[in-house]
């Protein structure tokens, strides 16, 4: 499966975001989702088979990290997409804070 198809799935994109800067165990990744561990494990397998994440095994634990090099130009796209979402979230939080302050001054 090509990288574009792999990252088209929202849960796989979220997994990549989680392991972008930090190595996480399969259990740590799975606890961030509202699906079964088995479902997350299948997504991890697709990411691993496509070469988009690296796997390091330590005892019985498996640790995953995004392989930015393997993502090629998609890495830049994903980073800009995540940054845009964070910017939007920050703007919404600031607007809510301003609205809360203005409501408090009306009394």
C-alpha atoms as a PDB file:
ATOM      1  CA  UNK A   1       0.000   0.000   0.000  1.00  0.00           C
ATOM      2  CA  UNK A   2       1.432   3.416  -0.886  1.00  0.00           C
ATOM      3  CA  UNK A   3       2.085   6.035   1.786  1.00  0.00           C
ATOM      4  CA  UNK A   4      -0.721   8.365   0.669  1.00  0.00           C
ATOM      5  CA  UNK A   5      -3.323   5.623   1.091  1.00  0.00           C
ATOM      6  CA  UNK A   6      -1.862   4.654   4.447  1.00  0.00           C
ATOM      7  CA  UNK A   7      -2.027   8.188   5.882  1.00  0.00           C
ATOM      8  CA  UNK A   8      -5.452   8.831   4.346  1.00  0.00           C
ATOM      9  CA  UNK A   9      -6.946   6.873   7.262  1.00  0.00           C
ATOM     10  CA  UNK A  10      -7.534   9.307  10.188  1.00  0.00           C
ATOM     11  CA  UNK A  11      -6.482   6.914  12.974  1.00  0.00           C
ATOM     12  CA  UNK A  12      -3.212   6.135  11.233  1.00  0.00           C
ATOM     13  CA  UNK A  13      -2.541   9.874  10.854  1.00  0.00           C
ATOM     14  CA  UNK A  14      -3.218  10.305  14.560  1.00  0.00           C
ATOM     15  CA  UNK A  15      -0.857   7.431  15.393  1.00  0.00           C
ATOM     16  CA  UNK A  16       1.835   9.094  13.276  1.00  0.00           C
ATOM     17  CA  UNK A  17       1.262  12.383  15.120  1.00  0.00           C
ATOM     18  CA  UNK A  18       1.612  10.605  18.466  1.00  0.00           C
ATOM     19  CA  UNK A  19       4.908   8.966  17.516  1.00  0.00           C
ATOM     20  CA  UNK A  20       6.274  11.899  15.517  1.00  0.00           C
ATOM     21  CA  UNK A  21       8.594  13.226  18.216  1.00  0.00           C
ATOM     22  CA  UNK A  22       8.523  10.438  20.767  1.00  0.00           C
ATOM     23  CA  UNK A  23       8.757   6.696  20.818  1.00  0.00           C
ATOM     24  CA  UNK A  24       5.649   5.121  22.361  1.00  0.00           C
ATOM     25  CA  UNK A  25       4.710   1.558  23.216  1.00  0.00           C
ATOM     26  CA  UNK A  26       1.778  -0.077  21.476  1.00  0.00           C
ATOM     27  CA  UNK A  27      -0.149   0.064  24.769  1.00  0.00           C
ATOM     28  CA  UNK A  28       0.516   3.795  25.205  1.00  0.00           C
ATOM     29  CA  UNK A  29      -0.721   4.409  21.675  1.00  0.00           C
ATOM     30  CA  UNK A  30      -3.800   2.212  22.087  1.00  0.00           C
ATOM     31  CA  UNK A  31      -4.931   3.919  25.289  1.00  0.00           C
ATOM     32  CA  UNK A  32      -5.363   7.178  23.338  1.00  0.00           C
ATOM     33  CA  UNK A  33      -8.072   5.670  21.117  1.00  0.00           C
ATOM     34  CA  UNK A  34     -11.653   4.587  21.679  1.00  0.00           C
ATOM     35  CA  UNK A  35     -11.212   1.334  19.756  1.00  0.00           C
ATOM     36  CA  UNK A  36      -9.837  -2.041  20.808  1.00  0.00           C
ATOM     37  CA  UNK A  37      -6.145  -2.728  21.188  1.00  0.00           C
ATOM     38  CA  UNK A  38      -6.512  -5.174  18.282  1.00  0.00           C
ATOM     39  CA  UNK A  39      -7.796  -2.422  15.986  1.00  0.00           C
ATOM     40  CA  UNK A  40      -4.886  -0.140  16.918  1.00  0.00           C
ATOM     41  CA  UNK A  41      -2.503  -3.054  16.459  1.00  0.00           C
ATOM     42  CA  UNK A  42      -3.793  -3.545  12.908  1.00  0.00           C
ATOM     43  CA  UNK A  43      -3.191   0.138  12.128  1.00  0.00           C
ATOM     44  CA  UNK A  44       0.318  -0.158  13.552  1.00  0.00           C
ATOM     45  CA  UNK A  45       0.934  -3.187  11.337  1.00  0.00           C
ATOM     46  CA  UNK A  46      -0.121  -1.259   8.225  1.00  0.00           C
ATOM     47  CA  UNK A  47       2.145   1.635   9.216  1.00  0.00           C
ATOM     48  CA  UNK A  48       5.019  -0.738   9.923  1.00  0.00           C
ATOM     49  CA  UNK A  49       4.537  -2.768   6.723  1.00  0.00           C
ATOM     50  CA  UNK A  50       4.522   0.421   4.674  1.00  0.00           C
ATOM     51  CA  UNK A  51       7.740   1.555   6.388  1.00  0.00           C
ATOM     52  CA  UNK A  52       6.217   4.691   7.900  1.00  0.00           C
ATOM     53  CA  UNK A  53       7.032   3.730  11.485  1.00  0.00           C
ATOM     54  CA  UNK A  54       9.981   1.952  12.999  1.00  0.00           C
ATOM     55  CA  UNK A  55       9.601  -0.798  15.550  1.00  0.00           C
ATOM     56  CA  UNK A  56      11.894  -1.496  18.464  1.00  0.00           C
ATOM     57  CA  UNK A  57      11.190  -4.485  20.638  1.00  0.00           C
ATOM     58  CA  UNK A  58      12.264  -4.552  24.272  1.00  0.00           C
ATOM     59  CA  UNK A  59      11.235  -7.746  25.996  1.00  0.00           C
ATOM     60  CA  UNK A  60       7.532  -8.158  25.330  1.00  0.00           C
ATOM     61  CA  UNK A  61       6.985  -4.466  24.624  1.00  0.00           C
ATOM     62  CA  UNK A  62       6.963  -2.966  21.146  1.00  0.00           C
ATOM     63  CA  UNK A  63       7.908   0.667  20.685  1.00  0.00           C
ATOM     64  CA  UNK A  64       6.988   2.718  17.629  1.00  0.00           C
ATOM     65  CA  UNK A  65       8.323   5.937  16.150  1.00  0.00           C
ATOM     66  CA  UNK A  66       7.481   7.732  12.910  1.00  0.00           C
ATOM     67  CA  UNK A  67      10.079   7.323  10.162  1.00  0.00           C
ATOM     68  CA  UNK A  68      10.072  10.836   8.725  1.00  0.00           C
ATOM     69  CA  UNK A  69      12.574   9.929   6.041  1.00  0.00           C
ATOM     70  CA  UNK A  70      10.308   7.170   4.720  1.00  0.00           C
ATOM     71  CA  UNK A  71       7.416   9.635   4.576  1.00  0.00           C
ATOM     72  CA  UNK A  72       9.358  11.852   2.187  1.00  0.00           C
ATOM     73  CA  UNK A  73       7.317  14.880   1.057  1.00  0.00           C
ATOM     74  CA  UNK A  74       4.347  13.648   3.086  1.00  0.00           C
ATOM     75  CA  UNK A  75       6.266  14.510   6.266  1.00  0.00           C
ATOM     76  CA  UNK A  76       6.155  18.224   5.441  1.00  0.00           C
ATOM     77  CA  UNK A  77       2.478  18.017   4.515  1.00  0.00           C
ATOM     78  CA  UNK A  78       1.557  16.236   7.756  1.00  0.00           C
ATOM     79  CA  UNK A  79       3.521  18.695   9.879  1.00  0.00           C
ATOM     80  CA  UNK A  80       1.847  21.675   8.224  1.00  0.00           C
ATOM     81  CA  UNK A  81      -1.590  20.060   8.609  1.00  0.00           C
ATOM     82  CA  UNK A  82      -0.998  19.449  12.332  1.00  0.00           C
ATOM     83  CA  UNK A  83       0.368  22.978  12.800  1.00  0.00           C
ATOM     84  CA  UNK A  84      -2.713  24.460  11.094  1.00  0.00           C
ATOM     85  CA  UNK A  85      -4.984  22.460  13.420  1.00  0.00           C
ATOM     86  CA  UNK A  86      -3.040  23.703  16.450  1.00  0.00           C
ATOM     87  CA  UNK A  87      -3.271  27.288  15.194  1.00  0.00           C
ATOM     88  CA  UNK A  88      -7.037  26.937  14.781  1.00  0.00           C
ATOM     89  CA  UNK A  89      -7.370  25.431  18.255  1.00  0.00           C
ATOM     90  CA  UNK A  90      -5.320  28.291  19.754  1.00  0.00           C
ATOM     91  CA  UNK A  91      -7.498  30.865  17.972  1.00  0.00           C
ATOM     92  CA  UNK A  92     -10.673  29.215  19.274  1.00  0.00           C
ATOM     93  CA  UNK A  93      -9.291  29.107  22.815  1.00  0.00           C
ATOM     94  CA  UNK A  94      -8.305  32.778  22.652  1.00  0.00           C
ATOM     95  CA  UNK A  95     -11.757  33.736  21.320  1.00  0.00           C
ATOM     96  CA  UNK A  96     -13.444  31.763  24.108  1.00  0.00           C
ATOM     97  CA  UNK A  97     -11.221  33.454  26.688  1.00  0.00           C
ATOM     98  CA  UNK A  98     -12.039  36.914  25.299  1.00  0.00           C
ATOM     99  CA  UNK A  99     -15.755  36.063  25.303  1.00  0.00           C
ATOM    100  CA  UNK A 100     -15.511  34.881  28.915  1.00  0.00           C
ATOM    101  CA  UNK A 101     -13.790  38.117  29.959  1.00  0.00           C
ATOM    102  CA  UNK A 102     -16.349  40.299  28.198  1.00  0.00           C
ATOM    103  CA  UNK A 103     -19.223  38.403  29.852  1.00  0.00           C
ATOM    104  CA  UNK A 104     -17.611  38.947  33.239  1.00  0.00           C
ATOM    105  CA  UNK A 105     -17.399  42.727  32.686  1.00  0.00           C
ATOM    106  CA  UNK A 106     -21.085  43.114  31.805  1.00  0.00           C
ATOM    107  CA  UNK A 107     -22.214  42.573  35.400  1.00  0.00           C
END
